[in-house]
Amino acid sequence: MALNGRLTIPAAGSTTANADAGRFLCSGTSWDGSGPRLALHLPDGQPHRQPLTPGTELRFRVLADTNGNEKFCLGSWQVNDDGVQSHTPCPGQAPAERGYQCSSCFIRDEVRGIHNSHRVDSIPDALRRYLDQPHWLYVATFADGSTKVGTAADGRKRLRLVEQGAVCARYVARAGDGLIVRVLEDAVTAVVGLQQAVRAGTKTAALTRPLAAGTLDARNAEAAESVRSMLADTGITGFRPVDEVWEPPAQFATVLDTSCELYPCDPASGEHGMVIQAVLGATALVRVDGEETLFAADLSRLKGRRLQYGPFRTAVPALQAALF
């Protein structure tokens, strides 16, 4: 099943006495220096990864438990003495109650208050250790022109934007810590009007009809300049302005330059068979059996889902198949 931490999809027709064979809890898509992958855990909590390299076949069905629960706890995060986060799997992979956590893991999580840390009177020591490092303020633009302001810890400066699925982005400030950068982020939203989130489904749908590259870059450059001008007049200290262009992975261009349609089924339920062509953020450009059309599939929908790997196929609805 696993080789050097990488998954082998069970062969079609294979049998096993182990009821858990090929079953995983998915934590979503993530990126590192080698590219994108699905983050997975066995039922006993052991981590695995599924590389999403071109040609990779993803064949799975989404499982519910005996009570009909379909979304499950992804565990909790702690902060080490050096400020680095570490993950603890949920002992029983219990049904999720709050977001992607059960109540027990929610209580144990040391970073859950990070987004409101600059709005409270006191911060737990563990969270303060994480926040006590340089952070970056960025302006990101997506394929439909939607533009947002966001933050990234120093060690996640580039990968944060990769995983966000930005098409164009610019760093506009480097703050001394995670509290200052969030004050800046709120100020940008209040004064410039940039949102702080864009829905994953919106990002995926936009990749089927992306705006021209020059249009997106110009829109991002204009927004970034507006933010830098606004920051110069805030009176806030503890940061310095920057003007730095973010560089996306090369395979982002493959997704943007390839004609595709929206994946016709919800990846969060049912059976699926897809072959990866390229990945942009959490969106995979995929081919499915029997179809010439390529599709943009939102793999963020797999987060918190139990997957059974096997010889599964995507059943494209008849009406949509006729449209393609």
Protein backbone atom coordinates (compact mmCIF):
# COMPACT_ATOMS: atom_id res chain seq x y z
CA MET A 1 0.00 0.00 0.00
CA ALA A 2 2.74 2.48 0.89
CA LEU A 3 6.28 2.92 -0.33
CA ASN A 4 8.59 5.55 1.16
CA GLY A 5 5.59 7.49 2.45
CA ARG A 6 3.90 7.54 -0.96
CA LEU A 7 0.65 5.78 -1.73
CA THR A 8 0.01 3.07 -4.25
CA ILE A 9 -3.61 2.92 -5.39
CA PRO A 10 -5.04 -0.61 -5.00
CA ALA A 11 -5.20 -2.46 -8.30
CA ALA A 12 -8.58 -2.98 -9.89
CA GLY A 13 -10.17 -6.14 -8.57
CA SER A 14 -7.71 -6.52 -5.66
CA THR A 15 -8.98 -8.08 -2.45
CA THR A 16 -7.72 -7.93 1.11
CA ALA A 17 -8.71 -9.21 4.51
CA ASN A 18 -7.89 -5.84 6.03
CA ALA A 19 -11.10 -3.77 6.16
CA ASP A 20 -9.04 -0.57 6.39
CA ALA A 21 -6.94 -1.22 3.28
CA GLY A 22 -7.14 1.71 0.92
CA ARG A 23 -9.08 3.86 3.40
CA PHE A 24 -7.82 7.30 4.33
CA LEU A 25 -8.94 10.51 5.98
CA CYS A 26 -8.05 13.43 3.72
CA SER A 27 -6.72 16.69 5.18
CA GLY A 28 -6.85 18.45 1.81
CA THR A 29 -4.24 19.55 -0.68
CA SER A 30 -0.86 20.95 0.29
CA TRP A 31 2.34 21.96 -1.47
CA ASP A 32 6.04 21.74 -0.74
CA GLY A 33 9.16 22.17 -2.82
CA SER A 34 8.41 18.99 -4.77
CA GLY A 35 4.90 20.03 -5.77
CA PRO A 36 1.27 19.35 -4.77
CA ARG A 37 -0.08 16.37 -2.85
CA LEU A 38 -3.11 15.11 -0.98
CA ALA A 39 -2.46 14.94 2.76
CA LEU A 40 -3.90 11.66 4.05
CA HIS A 41 -4.05 9.66 7.29
CA LEU A 42 -4.72 5.98 7.85
CA PRO A 43 -7.47 5.08 10.34
CA ASP A 44 -4.74 4.66 13.01
CA GLY A 45 -3.55 8.23 12.39
CA GLN A 46 -0.41 7.35 10.45
CA PRO A 47 0.27 10.08 7.87
CA HIS A 48 0.71 9.43 4.16
CA ARG A 49 0.89 11.60 1.11
CA GLN A 50 -0.44 11.19 -2.41
CA PRO A 51 1.66 13.14 -4.91
CA LEU A 52 -0.45 14.91 -7.52
CA THR A 53 2.06 14.73 -10.36
CA PRO A 54 0.84 14.71 -13.98
CA GLY A 55 -0.48 11.28 -14.88
CA THR A 56 -1.45 10.37 -11.31
CA GLU A 57 -4.74 8.47 -11.17
CA LEU A 58 -7.10 9.36 -8.33
CA ARG A 59 -9.80 6.72 -8.02
CA PHE A 60 -11.86 6.79 -4.86
CA ARG A 61 -15.27 6.89 -3.27
CA VAL A 62 -16.26 9.07 -0.33
CA LEU A 63 -17.42 7.20 2.78
CA ALA A 64 -19.82 8.11 5.57
CA ASP A 65 -19.84 6.39 8.96
CA THR A 66 -22.66 4.18 10.24
CA ASN A 67 -24.47 7.25 11.60
CA GLY A 68 -24.37 9.07 8.29
CA ASN A 69 -21.61 11.52 9.25
CA GLU A 70 -19.62 12.64 6.21
CA LYS A 71 -17.05 15.09 7.64
CA PHE A 72 -14.47 14.05 10.21
CA CYS A 73 -12.02 15.62 12.63
CA LEU A 74 -8.55 16.48 11.31
CA GLY A 75 -6.96 16.74 14.76
CA SER A 76 -5.29 19.66 16.50
CA TRP A 77 -2.20 21.84 16.21
CA GLN A 78 0.33 22.64 18.91
CA VAL A 79 3.22 25.12 18.94
CA ASN A 80 6.72 23.92 19.84
CA ASP A 81 9.17 25.94 21.92
CA ASP A 82 10.75 27.30 18.72
CA GLY A 83 7.39 28.58 17.44
CA VAL A 84 6.91 25.82 14.85
CA GLN A 85 3.49 24.17 14.59
CA SER A 86 3.12 20.40 15.00
CA HIS A 87 0.07 18.29 14.21
CA THR A 88 -1.68 15.75 16.46
CA PRO A 89 -4.20 13.48 14.69
CA CYS A 90 -7.63 13.00 16.25
CA PRO A 91 -7.36 9.73 18.24
CA GLY A 92 -10.60 8.32 16.85
CA GLN A 93 -11.07 10.43 13.71
CA ALA A 94 -14.38 11.46 15.26
CA PRO A 95 -17.12 13.30 13.36
CA ALA A 96 -16.33 17.00 12.98
CA GLU A 97 -18.43 19.32 15.14
CA ARG A 98 -16.77 22.73 14.69
CA GLY A 99 -15.25 23.29 11.28
CA TYR A 100 -12.90 20.35 10.82
CA GLN A 101 -12.56 19.44 14.50
CA CYS A 102 -14.38 17.47 17.16
CA SER A 103 -14.96 19.27 20.46
CA SER A 104 -11.96 17.60 22.17
CA CYS A 105 -9.48 18.54 19.45
CA PHE A 106 -10.94 22.04 19.25
CA ILE A 107 -10.12 22.53 22.94
CA ARG A 108 -6.59 21.10 22.53
CA ASP A 109 -5.78 23.24 19.49
CA GLU A 110 -3.24 25.96 20.36
CA VAL A 111 -3.58 28.05 17.20
CA ARG A 112 -7.35 28.21 16.72
CA GLY A 113 -7.49 31.84 17.88
CA ILE A 114 -4.87 33.10 15.46
CA HIS A 115 -7.19 35.15 13.23
CA ASN A 116 -8.55 37.15 16.17
CA SER A 117 -5.30 37.32 18.13
CA HIS A 118 -4.93 41.06 17.50
CA ARG A 119 -8.43 41.78 18.83
CA VAL A 120 -8.14 40.20 22.30
CA ASP A 121 -6.57 41.41 25.54
CA SER A 122 -4.46 38.32 26.22
CA ILE A 123 -2.93 35.57 24.08
CA PRO A 124 -1.94 32.05 25.21
CA ASP A 125 1.82 31.58 25.44
CA ALA A 126 1.82 28.87 22.77
CA LEU A 127 0.08 31.07 20.23
CA ARG A 128 2.34 33.99 21.08
CA ARG A 129 5.39 31.85 20.26
CA TYR A 130 4.02 31.29 16.77
CA LEU A 131 3.07 34.93 16.26
CA ASP A 132 6.47 36.15 17.43
CA GLN A 133 8.09 35.90 13.98
CA PRO A 134 8.09 38.13 10.90
CA HIS A 135 4.95 38.02 8.74
CA TRP A 136 4.22 39.26 5.23
CA LEU A 137 1.23 41.21 3.95
CA TYR A 138 0.28 40.40 0.38
CA VAL A 139 -2.28 41.28 -2.27
CA ALA A 140 -3.44 38.29 -4.35
CA THR A 141 -5.54 38.17 -7.51
CA PHE A 142 -7.38 35.10 -8.79
CA ALA A 143 -8.40 33.97 -12.27
CA ASP A 144 -11.65 35.97 -12.41
CA GLY A 145 -9.99 39.15 -11.13
CA SER A 146 -11.13 38.72 -7.52
CA THR A 147 -8.49 40.34 -5.32
CA LYS A 148 -7.82 39.92 -1.61
CA VAL A 149 -5.39 40.97 1.09
CA GLY A 150 -3.77 38.26 3.19
CA THR A 151 -0.92 37.33 5.50
CA ALA A 152 1.82 34.70 5.55
CA ALA A 153 4.33 33.71 8.21
CA ASP A 154 7.95 34.16 7.17
CA GLY A 155 8.57 30.45 6.65
CA ARG A 156 5.42 30.10 4.54
CA LYS A 157 5.93 33.24 2.48
CA ARG A 158 5.80 31.63 -0.97
CA LEU A 159 3.86 28.41 -0.31
CA ARG A 160 0.99 30.27 1.32
CA LEU A 161 0.16 31.92 -2.00
CA VAL A 162 0.76 28.70 -3.93
CA GLU A 163 -1.79 26.86 -1.77
CA GLN A 164 -4.20 29.80 -1.98
CA GLY A 165 -4.30 29.38 -5.75
CA ALA A 166 -3.35 32.95 -6.59
CA VAL A 167 -2.65 33.79 -10.22
CA CYS A 168 -0.85 37.08 -9.51
CA ALA A 169 0.36 38.44 -6.18
CA ARG A 170 2.59 41.09 -4.67
CA TYR A 171 4.02 41.46 -1.19
CA VAL A 172 3.34 44.94 0.13
CA ALA A 173 4.71 44.89 3.69
CA ARG A 174 6.90 42.89 6.08
CA ALA A 175 5.75 43.12 9.69
CA GLY A 176 7.73 42.35 12.81
CA ASP A 177 5.19 39.83 14.09
CA GLY A 178 1.85 38.19 13.43
CA LEU A 179 -0.12 40.71 15.48
CA ILE A 180 1.05 43.76 13.57
CA VAL A 181 0.42 42.15 10.20
CA ARG A 182 -3.19 41.39 11.15
CA VAL A 183 -3.74 44.97 12.25
CA LEU A 184 -2.46 46.03 8.83
CA GLU A 185 -4.72 43.50 7.11
CA ASP A 186 -7.81 44.85 8.86
CA ALA A 187 -6.79 48.41 8.01
CA VAL A 188 -6.47 47.53 4.32
CA THR A 189 -9.95 46.00 4.31
CA ALA A 190 -11.44 49.01 6.09
CA VAL A 191 -9.76 51.69 3.97
CA VAL A 192 -9.02 50.14 0.57
CA GLY A 193 -11.93 47.70 0.61
CA LEU A 194 -10.06 44.51 -0.23
CA GLN A 195 -11.68 41.32 1.04
CA GLN A 196 -9.76 38.84 3.18
CA ALA A 197 -11.13 35.62 1.67
CA VAL A 198 -12.23 34.19 -1.66
CA ARG A 199 -14.22 30.96 -1.66
CA ALA A 200 -12.45 27.86 -2.99
CA GLY A 201 -15.35 27.09 -5.31
CA THR A 202 -15.13 30.57 -6.80
CA LYS A 203 -11.42 30.10 -7.50
CA THR A 204 -12.02 26.78 -9.24
CA ALA A 205 -14.93 28.03 -11.36
CA ALA A 206 -12.86 31.04 -12.43
CA LEU A 207 -10.21 28.76 -13.93
CA THR A 208 -12.67 27.60 -16.59
CA ARG A 209 -12.92 31.17 -17.92
CA PRO A 210 -9.82 33.04 -16.72
CA LEU A 211 -9.23 36.67 -17.59
CA ALA A 212 -6.19 37.51 -19.71
CA ALA A 213 -2.86 37.35 -17.90
CA GLY A 214 -2.10 41.00 -18.60
CA THR A 215 -5.46 42.10 -17.24
CA LEU A 216 -4.97 40.13 -14.02
CA ASP A 217 -1.45 41.43 -13.47
CA ALA A 218 -2.53 45.03 -14.06
CA ARG A 219 -5.42 44.64 -11.62
CA ASN A 220 -3.10 43.18 -8.99
CA ALA A 221 -0.45 45.86 -9.48
CA GLU A 222 -3.06 48.62 -9.12
CA ALA A 223 -4.47 47.11 -5.92
CA ALA A 224 -1.01 46.60 -4.44
CA GLU A 225 -0.06 50.21 -5.14
CA SER A 226 -3.26 51.40 -3.47
CA VAL A 227 -2.39 49.36 -0.39
CA ARG A 228 1.17 50.68 -0.22
CA SER A 229 -0.08 54.26 -0.50
CA MET A 230 -2.61 53.66 2.25
CA LEU A 231 -0.03 52.02 4.55
CA ALA A 232 2.22 55.06 4.26
CA ASP A 233 -0.46 57.15 5.98
CA THR A 234 -1.65 54.73 8.68
CA GLY A 235 0.63 55.81 11.51
CA ILE A 236 1.07 52.13 12.43
CA THR A 237 4.62 51.11 13.36
CA GLY A 238 6.43 47.78 13.39
CA PHE A 239 6.53 47.11 9.65
CA ARG A 240 8.28 48.21 6.49
CA PRO A 241 6.72 48.56 3.03
CA VAL A 242 7.96 46.25 0.28
CA ASP A 243 7.36 45.93 -3.45
CA GLU A 244 8.01 42.32 -4.41
CA VAL A 245 6.31 40.20 -7.07
CA TRP A 246 5.42 36.61 -6.19
CA GLU A 247 6.37 33.93 -8.72
CA PRO A 248 3.90 31.04 -9.19
CA PRO A 249 4.92 27.43 -9.97
CA ALA A 250 5.39 26.65 -13.65
CA GLN A 251 2.45 24.23 -13.78
CA PHE A 252 0.02 27.03 -12.92
CA ALA A 253 0.44 28.20 -16.52
CA THR A 254 -0.68 24.77 -17.78
CA VAL A 255 -3.99 25.12 -15.95
CA LEU A 256 -4.50 28.72 -17.06
CA ASP A 257 -3.64 28.04 -20.71
CA THR A 258 -5.74 24.86 -21.10
CA SER A 259 -9.41 24.97 -22.07
CA CYS A 260 -11.52 23.17 -19.47
CA GLU A 261 -14.96 22.94 -17.90
CA LEU A 262 -16.00 22.69 -14.27
CA TYR A 263 -15.83 19.11 -12.94
CA PRO A 264 -19.44 17.92 -13.23
CA CYS A 265 -19.72 16.12 -9.86
CA ASP A 266 -19.09 17.13 -6.26
CA PRO A 267 -15.79 15.50 -5.19
CA ALA A 268 -17.09 15.43 -1.60
CA SER A 269 -19.54 12.60 -2.33
CA GLY A 270 -19.93 9.57 -4.56
CA GLU A 271 -17.38 7.76 -6.73
CA HIS A 272 -14.66 9.40 -8.81
CA GLY A 273 -11.93 8.52 -11.25
CA MET A 274 -9.66 11.27 -12.51
CA VAL A 275 -6.21 11.56 -14.02
CA ILE A 276 -4.18 14.60 -12.94
CA GLN A 277 -2.86 16.86 -15.71
CA ALA A 278 -1.70 19.81 -13.57
CA VAL A 279 -2.62 21.54 -10.31
CA LEU A 280 -3.17 25.20 -9.41
CA GLY A 281 -3.64 25.75 -5.68
CA ALA A 282 -6.28 23.21 -4.66
CA THR A 283 -7.74 22.92 -8.17
CA ALA A 284 -6.71 19.99 -10.33
CA LEU A 285 -6.93 19.97 -14.10
CA VAL A 286 -8.13 16.40 -14.73
CA ARG A 287 -9.16 13.96 -17.40
CA VAL A 288 -11.93 11.42 -16.77
CA ASP A 289 -12.60 8.11 -18.49
CA GLY A 290 -14.45 8.36 -21.79
CA GLU A 291 -14.40 12.17 -22.02
CA GLU A 292 -12.28 14.34 -24.31
CA THR A 293 -13.03 17.46 -22.28
CA LEU A 294 -10.68 18.38 -19.45
CA PHE A 295 -12.17 19.47 -16.13
CA ALA A 296 -11.23 21.74 -13.22
CA ALA A 297 -11.87 19.81 -9.99
CA ASP A 298 -11.93 21.51 -6.58
CA LEU A 299 -9.92 19.08 -4.42
CA SER A 300 -10.45 21.25 -1.33
CA ARG A 301 -13.84 19.52 -1.20
CA LEU A 302 -12.02 16.37 -0.02
CA LYS A 303 -10.91 18.01 3.22
CA GLY A 304 -12.29 16.12 6.21
CA ARG A 305 -13.65 13.29 4.04
CA ARG A 306 -12.98 9.58 4.36
CA LEU A 307 -11.81 8.10 1.07
CA GLN A 308 -11.78 4.51 -0.14
CA TYR A 309 -9.25 4.01 -2.93
CA GLY A 310 -10.14 1.50 -5.62
CA PRO A 311 -11.18 0.99 -9.27
CA PHE A 312 -13.76 3.79 -9.30
CA ARG A 313 -14.88 6.00 -12.18
CA THR A 314 -16.60 9.35 -12.54
CA ALA A 315 -20.12 9.01 -13.89
CA VAL A 316 -20.60 12.21 -15.91
CA PRO A 317 -24.31 13.17 -15.85
CA ALA A 318 -25.91 12.47 -19.24
CA LEU A 319 -27.18 16.03 -19.75
CA GLN A 320 -23.78 17.54 -19.00
CA ALA A 321 -22.00 14.97 -21.15
CA ALA A 322 -24.13 16.11 -24.09
CA LEU A 323 -23.09 19.73 -23.48
CA PHE A 324 -19.41 18.83 -23.68
